[in-house]
Amino acid sequence: MKLTWLGHSGFRLEIEQAVILIDPWLSGNPMFPQDRRAEAIGGATHVLITHGHGDHTGDTLAIARELKIPVVGIYDLISTWQMHQGIEGIGYNKGGTVDLGGAKVTMVNASHSSSMEGNEGPIYAGHESGYMIAGEGHVIYVSGDTDIMADMAWMGEYHRPDIGILCAGGHFTMDMQRAAWAARKYFDFKTVIPCHYRTFPLLAQNAEELKAGLPGVEVIEPEVMQPIPIPARV
């Protein structure tokens, strides 16, 4: 199992028999080296989308067409793309679980907003979501864009994720202190990886407050295109 940050909230997750691109915003992403696009998407089997904002959907349609792979996410957005963009999709909803190459991906709640740009303003793009991804003995919680929410209590107890990929940049999502509080209150993470930060001056530029708030937890500040190996657990 291997996890690679693509900048902002984008990740490449190699798990079981799947290579999942999560929220792949590459083109125009100031964190992503454009000359490494082929490396970032090579061999991908699925694209997983948390919500419709452009800094998350980014290169989704282009990658789906180029690699002929399905886009996975909230039914409303995926079905619209299937109808109007001609892509292959797996649309489902919160509480549902899909099998992506042996990885079990359950959609869970998030607290944010979700829209796409239209000619006359934002267009509804289905609800925002997070995911619990189970495989190779791990459960990874991908928070998507969210604030603290009471749903995290049952999500932590029911799914028992040991790895948290948490938005923590502030302004648009939880900040580092709030993400640390949520992780302490609702989860028993062994590893936490922050995202949705460092991209712009408006966002947090480091994870020192997250580290300070999570003593005893391995907080990994990812570097773009540097894989993080995660040993399988029996």
Protein backbone atom coordinates (compact mmCIF):
# COMPACT_ATOMS: atom_id res chain seq x y z
CA MET A 1 0.00 0.00 0.00
CA LYS A 2 1.34 3.39 -1.01
CA LEU A 3 0.02 6.93 -0.70
CA THR A 4 1.34 9.87 -2.74
CA TRP A 5 0.30 13.50 -2.29
CA LEU A 6 -0.50 15.35 -5.51
CA GLY A 7 -0.80 18.72 -3.78
CA HIS A 8 -3.82 20.41 -2.16
CA SER A 9 -6.34 17.57 -1.55
CA GLY A 10 -5.16 15.28 -4.32
CA PHE A 11 -3.74 11.83 -3.59
CA ARG A 12 -2.73 8.72 -5.45
CA LEU A 13 -3.62 5.67 -3.35
CA GLU A 14 -2.29 2.25 -4.33
CA ILE A 15 -4.28 -0.28 -2.30
CA GLU A 16 -5.25 -3.90 -2.92
CA GLN A 17 -5.55 -4.18 -6.73
CA ALA A 18 -6.64 -0.58 -7.20
CA VAL A 19 -4.82 2.67 -7.97
CA ILE A 20 -7.23 5.39 -6.90
CA LEU A 21 -6.75 9.07 -7.75
CA ILE A 22 -8.51 11.12 -5.07
CA ASP A 23 -9.58 14.68 -6.02
CA PRO A 24 -6.94 15.03 -8.77
CA TRP A 25 -6.53 18.76 -9.38
CA LEU A 26 -3.28 18.87 -11.36
CA SER A 27 -3.57 21.52 -14.09
CA GLY A 28 -3.19 24.94 -12.53
CA ASN A 29 -2.37 23.53 -9.09
CA PRO A 30 0.60 25.61 -7.87
CA MET A 31 1.81 22.69 -5.73
CA PHE A 32 1.93 20.13 -8.53
CA PRO A 33 4.90 19.80 -10.92
CA GLN A 34 3.24 19.75 -14.34
CA ASP A 35 6.05 17.72 -15.92
CA ARG A 36 5.14 14.77 -13.64
CA ARG A 37 1.51 14.39 -14.70
CA ALA A 38 2.07 11.12 -16.58
CA GLU A 39 3.80 9.65 -13.55
CA ALA A 40 1.01 10.79 -11.22
CA ILE A 41 -1.83 9.24 -13.19
CA GLY A 42 -0.09 6.23 -14.76
CA GLY A 43 -1.84 2.93 -14.08
CA ALA A 44 -4.78 4.54 -12.29
CA THR A 45 -7.90 2.37 -12.11
CA HIS A 46 -10.42 4.82 -10.59
CA VAL A 47 -10.94 8.51 -9.82
CA LEU A 48 -12.63 9.21 -6.47
CA ILE A 49 -14.27 12.62 -5.97
CA THR A 50 -15.34 14.16 -2.65
CA HIS A 51 -17.34 17.09 -4.08
CA GLY A 52 -17.80 19.33 -7.08
CA HIS A 53 -15.51 22.30 -6.42
CA GLY A 54 -12.91 22.89 -9.11
CA ASP A 55 -9.93 22.48 -6.79
CA HIS A 56 -11.10 18.87 -6.29
CA THR A 57 -12.64 17.86 -9.61
CA GLY A 58 -9.81 19.55 -11.57
CA ASP A 59 -8.48 17.03 -14.08
CA THR A 60 -11.10 14.36 -13.40
CA LEU A 61 -12.88 14.32 -16.75
CA ALA A 62 -9.66 14.55 -18.74
CA ILE A 63 -8.11 11.66 -16.82
CA ALA A 64 -11.26 9.54 -17.07
CA ARG A 65 -11.32 9.95 -20.85
CA GLU A 66 -7.59 9.53 -21.31
CA LEU A 67 -7.29 6.36 -19.22
CA LYS A 68 -10.83 5.09 -19.85
CA ILE A 69 -11.45 4.59 -16.13
CA PRO A 70 -14.57 5.24 -14.03
CA VAL A 71 -15.17 8.24 -11.81
CA VAL A 72 -16.61 7.35 -8.40
CA GLY A 73 -18.63 9.69 -6.21
CA ILE A 74 -21.99 11.14 -5.21
CA TYR A 75 -24.78 9.95 -7.50
CA ASP A 76 -26.02 13.38 -8.57
CA LEU A 77 -22.67 14.55 -9.91
CA ILE A 78 -21.60 11.24 -11.42
CA SER A 79 -24.91 10.65 -13.22
CA THR A 80 -24.76 14.20 -14.67
CA TRP A 81 -21.25 13.57 -15.98
CA GLN A 82 -22.29 10.20 -17.41
CA MET A 83 -25.17 11.83 -19.25
CA HIS A 84 -23.45 14.99 -20.49
CA GLN A 85 -19.72 14.17 -20.51
CA GLY A 86 -19.83 10.56 -21.73
CA ILE A 87 -17.60 9.16 -19.02
CA GLU A 88 -17.87 5.86 -17.18
CA GLY A 89 -19.03 6.35 -13.62
CA ILE A 90 -19.94 4.66 -10.36
CA GLY A 91 -22.46 6.88 -8.63
CA TYR A 92 -23.72 6.08 -5.14
CA ASN A 93 -24.61 7.81 -1.89
CA LYS A 94 -23.79 8.13 1.80
CA GLY A 95 -23.87 4.82 3.62
CA GLY A 96 -23.15 2.91 0.43
CA THR A 97 -20.02 0.85 -0.13
CA VAL A 98 -18.39 -0.02 -3.44
CA ASP A 99 -15.59 -2.48 -4.16
CA LEU A 100 -12.75 -0.84 -6.09
CA GLY A 101 -10.24 -3.55 -6.93
CA GLY A 102 -10.61 -5.19 -3.54
CA ALA A 103 -10.67 -1.92 -1.55
CA LYS A 104 -14.02 -1.30 0.13
CA VAL A 105 -14.94 2.39 -0.17
CA THR A 106 -17.81 3.64 2.00
CA MET A 107 -19.20 7.13 1.47
CA VAL A 108 -19.75 9.13 4.67
CA ASN A 109 -20.92 12.59 5.53
CA ALA A 110 -18.97 15.86 5.37
CA SER A 111 -19.97 19.42 6.22
CA HIS A 112 -19.08 21.83 3.43
CA SER A 113 -20.71 22.78 0.10
CA SER A 114 -20.56 21.40 -3.42
CA SER A 115 -21.01 23.19 -6.72
CA MET A 116 -19.53 23.70 -10.16
CA GLU A 117 -19.04 26.94 -12.04
CA GLY A 118 -21.86 27.87 -14.41
CA ASN A 119 -22.48 30.72 -16.81
CA GLU A 120 -24.84 32.37 -14.34
CA GLY A 121 -23.22 31.32 -11.08
CA PRO A 122 -22.67 28.09 -9.14
CA ILE A 123 -24.46 24.91 -10.23
CA TYR A 124 -25.56 22.24 -7.76
CA ALA A 125 -23.15 19.28 -7.80
CA GLY A 126 -24.61 16.87 -5.25
CA HIS A 127 -23.66 16.75 -1.59
CA GLU A 128 -20.12 16.91 -0.26
CA SER A 129 -18.78 13.66 1.18
CA GLY A 130 -15.89 11.87 2.80
CA TYR A 131 -14.82 8.24 2.51
CA MET A 132 -13.74 5.29 4.63
CA ILE A 133 -11.39 3.17 2.51
CA ALA A 134 -10.71 -0.32 3.87
CA GLY A 135 -7.94 -2.53 2.52
CA GLU A 136 -4.72 -4.34 3.41
CA GLY A 137 -5.67 -4.33 7.09
CA HIS A 138 -6.14 -0.56 7.28
CA VAL A 139 -9.09 1.81 7.26
CA ILE A 140 -8.31 5.26 5.85
CA TYR A 141 -10.63 8.15 6.59
CA VAL A 142 -10.56 10.70 3.77
CA SER A 143 -12.38 13.66 5.29
CA GLY A 144 -12.96 15.63 2.11
CA ASP A 145 -13.59 19.30 2.81
CA THR A 146 -15.34 19.57 6.16
CA ASP A 147 -15.54 21.19 9.55
CA ILE A 148 -15.89 19.29 12.82
CA MET A 149 -19.25 17.55 12.93
CA ALA A 150 -21.05 15.30 15.40
CA ASP A 151 -21.21 12.54 12.76
CA MET A 152 -17.51 11.98 13.37
CA ALA A 153 -18.44 10.29 16.66
CA TRP A 154 -20.26 7.36 15.10
CA MET A 155 -17.96 7.31 12.07
CA GLY A 156 -14.95 6.83 14.33
CA GLU A 157 -16.63 4.22 16.49
CA TYR A 158 -18.18 2.25 13.62
CA HIS A 159 -15.40 2.29 11.03
CA ARG A 160 -12.41 2.59 13.41
CA PRO A 161 -10.01 4.19 10.91
CA ASP A 162 -6.33 4.05 11.85
CA ILE A 163 -5.21 6.56 9.20
CA GLY A 164 -6.74 10.02 8.78
CA ILE A 165 -6.31 12.20 5.70
CA LEU A 166 -7.70 15.43 7.11
CA CYS A 167 -8.35 18.81 5.53
CA ALA A 168 -6.69 21.28 7.89
CA GLY A 169 -5.79 24.48 6.05
CA GLY A 170 -8.46 26.72 7.56
CA HIS A 171 -10.67 29.41 5.95
CA PHE A 172 -12.58 26.94 3.73
CA THR A 173 -12.29 23.92 6.06
CA MET A 174 -11.15 22.95 9.54
CA ASP A 175 -7.87 24.52 10.56
CA MET A 176 -5.01 22.66 12.23
CA GLN A 177 -6.31 23.16 15.77
CA ARG A 178 -9.84 22.07 14.89
CA ALA A 179 -8.60 19.04 12.96
CA ALA A 180 -6.46 18.02 15.95
CA TRP A 181 -9.42 18.43 18.30
CA ALA A 182 -11.66 16.30 16.08
CA ALA A 183 -8.98 13.62 15.77
CA ARG A 184 -8.54 13.47 19.57
CA LYS A 185 -12.26 13.58 20.33
CA TYR A 186 -13.67 11.16 17.79
CA PHE A 187 -10.93 8.92 16.41
CA ASP A 188 -8.03 6.70 17.42
CA PHE A 189 -5.68 7.43 14.54
CA LYS A 190 -2.20 5.98 14.46
CA THR A 191 -1.28 8.21 11.50
CA VAL A 192 -2.65 11.57 10.36
CA ILE A 193 -1.82 13.27 7.05
CA PRO A 194 -2.97 16.87 6.58
CA CYS A 195 -4.17 18.24 3.25
CA HIS A 196 -5.91 21.29 1.77
CA TYR A 197 -3.05 23.43 3.03
CA ARG A 198 0.10 25.17 1.71
CA THR A 199 -1.54 25.72 -1.70
CA PHE A 200 -2.21 29.44 -1.25
CA PRO A 201 -1.08 32.08 1.29
CA LEU A 202 -4.66 32.11 2.65
CA LEU A 203 -4.20 28.54 3.97
CA ALA A 204 -1.98 27.18 6.73
CA GLN A 205 1.60 26.72 5.55
CA ASN A 206 2.69 24.00 7.97
CA ALA A 207 1.20 21.42 10.32
CA GLU A 208 2.97 22.37 13.56
CA GLU A 209 -0.30 23.07 15.39
CA LEU A 210 -1.68 19.72 14.24
CA LYS A 211 1.40 17.93 15.52
CA ALA A 212 1.25 19.77 18.83
CA GLY A 213 -2.40 18.81 19.24
CA LEU A 214 -1.85 15.11 18.58
CA PRO A 215 0.85 13.83 20.92
CA GLY A 216 1.51 10.14 20.36
CA VAL A 217 0.08 10.22 16.82
CA GLU A 218 2.37 10.07 13.79
CA VAL A 219 1.59 13.26 11.86
CA ILE A 220 3.17 13.08 8.40
CA GLU A 221 3.55 16.30 6.45
CA PRO A 222 3.49 14.96 2.91
CA GLU A 223 5.71 16.17 0.09
CA VAL A 224 4.30 16.29 -3.42
CA MET A 225 5.12 13.18 -5.48
CA GLN A 226 7.04 11.54 -2.64
CA PRO A 227 5.32 8.21 -1.89
CA ILE A 228 4.46 7.33 1.69
CA PRO A 229 4.72 3.54 2.12
CA ILE A 230 2.22 2.04 4.55
CA PRO A 231 2.88 -1.56 5.59
CA ALA A 232 -0.07 -3.92 5.33
CA ARG A 233 -1.59 -5.08 8.61
CA VAL A 234 -2.75 -8.67 9.14
